Amino acid sequence: MARAKRARGGRKWIAGAIKRPGAFTAKAKRSGRTVQAHATHIIATDHKRHGTRTFRQAVLARTLGKISRGRK
């Protein structure tokens, strides 16, 4: 991952974007939801209640979910 942070459109932007692998998934499991359902819940509610980091993780989870849906 020497060159994980590339310019926009680079191939390894996902590796650079994920700072805490598995953290949002663990939060979703603790809440009893799937990752996508938890991300939707976080984005729909007041993000100040959940914190900035969690809000950003939710936005990234939604984005990565769209990418994986497009590849199927």
Protein backbone atom coordinates (compact mmCIF):
# COMPACT_ATOMS: atom_id res chain seq x y z
CA MET A 1 0.00 0.00 0.00
CA ALA A 2 2.91 2.29 -0.69
CA ARG A 3 0.96 4.35 -3.17
CA ALA A 4 -2.56 3.99 -1.76
CA LYS A 5 -3.30 7.70 -1.96
CA ARG A 6 -3.52 8.43 -5.65
CA ALA A 7 -5.23 11.23 -7.48
CA ARG A 8 -8.93 11.04 -8.14
CA GLY A 9 -9.68 8.17 -10.46
CA GLY A 10 -6.71 6.15 -9.22
CA ARG A 11 -7.08 2.43 -8.68
CA LYS A 12 -6.37 2.24 -4.93
CA TRP A 13 -8.47 5.05 -3.49
CA ILE A 14 -10.57 2.60 -1.46
CA ALA A 15 -7.54 1.33 0.46
CA GLY A 16 -6.66 4.92 1.34
CA ALA A 17 -10.23 5.81 2.27
CA ILE A 18 -10.72 3.02 4.83
CA LYS A 19 -8.93 4.13 7.97
CA ARG A 20 -10.45 1.67 10.46
CA PRO A 21 -11.33 -1.59 8.70
CA GLY A 22 -14.28 -3.36 10.29
CA ALA A 23 -15.20 -0.56 12.70
CA PHE A 24 -18.45 0.44 11.00
CA THR A 25 -19.44 -3.21 10.51
CA ALA A 26 -18.98 -3.78 14.25
CA LYS A 27 -21.16 -0.74 15.02
CA ALA A 28 -23.84 -2.08 12.68
CA LYS A 29 -23.78 -5.53 14.28
CA ARG A 30 -24.04 -4.02 17.78
CA SER A 31 -27.12 -2.11 16.67
CA GLY A 32 -28.64 -5.26 15.16
CA ARG A 33 -28.70 -3.96 11.59
CA THR A 34 -26.94 -4.74 8.36
CA VAL A 35 -24.18 -2.37 7.28
CA GLN A 36 -26.33 -0.72 4.62
CA ALA A 37 -29.35 -0.38 6.93
CA HIS A 38 -27.17 1.15 9.64
CA ALA A 39 -25.59 3.55 7.14
CA THR A 40 -29.04 4.66 5.99
CA HIS A 41 -30.12 5.15 9.60
CA ILE A 42 -27.04 7.24 10.45
CA ILE A 43 -27.39 9.44 7.37
CA ALA A 44 -31.13 9.94 7.89
CA THR A 45 -30.78 11.02 11.54
CA ASP A 46 -28.90 13.98 12.97
CA HIS A 47 -25.23 13.23 12.36
CA LYS A 48 -24.15 15.31 15.37
CA ARG A 49 -25.82 12.71 17.57
CA HIS A 50 -23.68 9.92 16.14
CA GLY A 51 -20.47 11.85 15.59
CA THR A 52 -18.58 13.03 12.55
CA ARG A 53 -16.46 9.89 12.20
CA THR A 54 -19.47 7.59 12.24
CA PHE A 55 -21.28 9.83 9.74
CA ARG A 56 -18.32 9.72 7.37
CA GLN A 57 -18.06 5.95 7.77
CA ALA A 58 -21.76 5.69 6.88
CA VAL A 59 -21.32 7.77 3.74
CA LEU A 60 -18.35 5.64 2.69
CA ALA A 61 -20.27 2.42 3.41
CA ARG A 62 -23.12 3.61 1.22
CA THR A 63 -20.69 4.54 -1.57
CA LEU A 64 -18.90 1.19 -1.41
CA GLY A 65 -22.26 -0.58 -1.42
CA LYS A 66 -23.19 1.19 -4.65
CA ILE A 67 -19.89 0.18 -6.21
CA SER A 68 -20.34 -3.49 -5.33
CA ARG A 69 -23.92 -3.43 -6.61
CA GLY A 70 -22.71 -2.06 -9.93
CA ARG A 71 -20.20 -4.86 -10.37
CA LYS A 72 -22.72 -7.70 -10.01
